[in-house]
Protein backbone atom coordinates (compact mmCIF):
# COMPACT_ATOMS: atom_id res chain seq x y z
CA MET A 1 -5.98 12.65 -2.31
CA LEU A 2 -6.56 8.93 -2.70
CA PHE A 3 -3.89 6.46 -3.80
CA LEU A 4 -4.39 2.85 -4.88
CA GLN A 5 -1.50 0.46 -4.28
CA ILE A 6 -1.58 -2.96 -5.92
CA SER A 7 1.15 -5.37 -4.84
CA THR A 8 1.90 -8.94 -5.78
CA HIS A 9 4.53 -11.40 -4.68
CA THR A 10 5.62 -14.81 -5.87
CA ALA A 11 4.44 -18.03 -4.30
CA GLU A 12 8.03 -18.63 -3.19
CA SER A 13 8.19 -15.33 -1.30
CA CYS A 14 4.67 -15.65 0.17
CA PRO A 15 4.75 -15.03 3.93
CA ILE A 16 2.58 -18.10 4.42
CA HIS A 17 5.46 -20.32 3.24
CA ASN A 18 8.57 -18.17 3.64
CA GLU A 19 9.77 -17.42 7.18
CA LYS A 20 12.00 -14.52 6.07
CA THR A 21 9.19 -12.62 4.35
CA GLN A 22 6.77 -13.59 7.11
CA LYS A 23 8.96 -11.69 9.58
CA ILE A 24 9.27 -8.72 7.20
CA PHE A 25 5.52 -8.57 6.55
CA ALA A 26 4.69 -8.83 10.27
CA ASP A 27 7.21 -6.09 11.09
CA VAL A 28 5.83 -3.76 8.40
CA TYR A 29 2.25 -4.50 9.43
CA ASN A 30 3.06 -3.41 13.00
CA LYS A 31 4.91 -0.25 11.88
CA MET A 32 2.47 0.85 9.17
CA GLY A 33 0.18 2.86 11.49
CA PRO A 34 2.93 4.99 13.04
CA LEU A 35 4.62 5.53 9.64
CA ALA A 36 1.34 6.61 8.05
CA LYS A 37 0.62 8.99 10.93
CA LYS A 38 4.13 10.47 10.63
CA HIS A 39 3.38 11.45 7.01
CA GLY A 40 -0.27 12.43 7.49
CA VAL A 41 -1.48 9.41 5.53
CA LYS A 42 -4.55 7.35 6.44
CA THR A 43 -5.24 3.81 5.32
CA VAL A 44 -8.76 3.78 3.85
CA GLY A 45 -8.82 0.02 3.36
CA SER A 46 -6.74 -3.03 2.65
CA TRP A 47 -7.61 -6.33 1.02
CA VAL A 48 -5.77 -9.55 0.25
CA SER A 49 -6.46 -12.26 -2.30
CA MET A 50 -4.36 -15.06 -0.88
CA PRO A 51 -4.64 -17.46 -3.85
CA GLU A 52 -3.41 -14.68 -6.17
CA HIS A 53 -0.68 -13.41 -3.81
CA LEU A 54 -2.28 -9.98 -4.24
CA VAL A 55 -2.50 -7.10 -1.76
CA ILE A 56 -4.62 -4.01 -2.45
CA MET A 57 -4.34 -0.89 -0.28
CA VAL A 58 -6.12 2.46 -0.53
CA TYR A 59 -4.58 5.46 1.20
CA ASP A 60 -5.74 9.02 1.76
CA ALA A 61 -2.77 11.40 1.73
CA PRO A 62 -2.56 15.19 1.75
CA ASN A 63 -0.56 15.07 -1.50
CA ALA A 64 1.70 12.90 -3.66
CA GLU A 65 4.82 14.07 -1.84
CA ALA A 66 3.54 12.77 1.52
CA MET A 67 2.67 9.43 -0.07
CA THR A 68 6.09 9.16 -1.73
CA LYS A 69 7.93 10.04 1.48
CA MET A 70 6.00 7.41 3.41
CA MET A 71 6.71 4.72 0.80
CA MET A 72 10.42 5.64 0.89
CA GLU A 73 10.67 4.83 4.60
CA PRO A 74 13.31 2.08 5.02
CA ASP A 75 10.82 -0.35 6.62
CA LEU A 76 8.37 0.03 3.74
CA MET A 77 11.16 -0.23 1.18
CA THR A 78 12.06 -3.62 2.68
CA TRP A 79 8.47 -4.79 2.17
CA ILE A 80 8.29 -3.35 -1.35
CA ALA A 81 11.53 -5.16 -2.23
CA HIS A 82 9.61 -8.46 -1.88
CA ASN A 83 6.67 -7.32 -4.02
CA SER A 84 5.90 -5.88 -7.39
CA SER A 85 3.87 -2.76 -6.65
CA THR A 86 2.08 -0.03 -8.52
CA MET A 87 0.77 3.16 -6.96
CA ARG A 88 -1.87 5.25 -8.68
CA PRO A 89 -3.72 8.41 -7.70
CA VAL A 90 -7.44 7.66 -7.85
CA MET A 91 -10.74 9.33 -7.05
CA THR A 92 -14.18 8.13 -6.10
CA LEU A 93 -16.76 7.61 -8.82
CA ASP A 94 -18.74 10.55 -7.39
CA GLU A 95 -15.68 12.80 -7.71
CA ALA A 96 -15.13 11.62 -11.28
CA MET A 97 -18.75 12.30 -12.21
CA LYS A 98 -18.45 15.86 -10.89
CA GLN A 99 -15.51 16.34 -13.27
CA VAL A 100 -17.40 14.74 -16.17
CA LEU A 101 -20.52 16.85 -15.62
CA LYS A 102 -18.77 20.22 -15.22
C-alpha cells in the first residue's frame, strides 16, 4: 500500500537557517531507515523543493496501521512538530486504470 506524505515548514524553521531544526532533521534522517524497517515500511522515494520549503515522501507499507505506528514514533513526531504534513493513501496510475476498467 502506497502512502504520499507532503510536508512543509516555514522559512524561519528551515534547517538551512535554523540550527535547532537542522539537528532535528539530521537526527530523523539518520533514524528513518531503522524506524521504517521496524514497521515493515519502505521509502519508495523522497524529494525536496528547497525554495518552497516542501518535502515529498512516498512510502510502501503493508497497511495503514503500520504507517501510522511508524509516524507515531517519538523521533518522527519531533520532526512532524516542525512541519505541516498530510498523509494520503495513493496508488499508481496503472493500478487506478485497472480499477477504472473493471
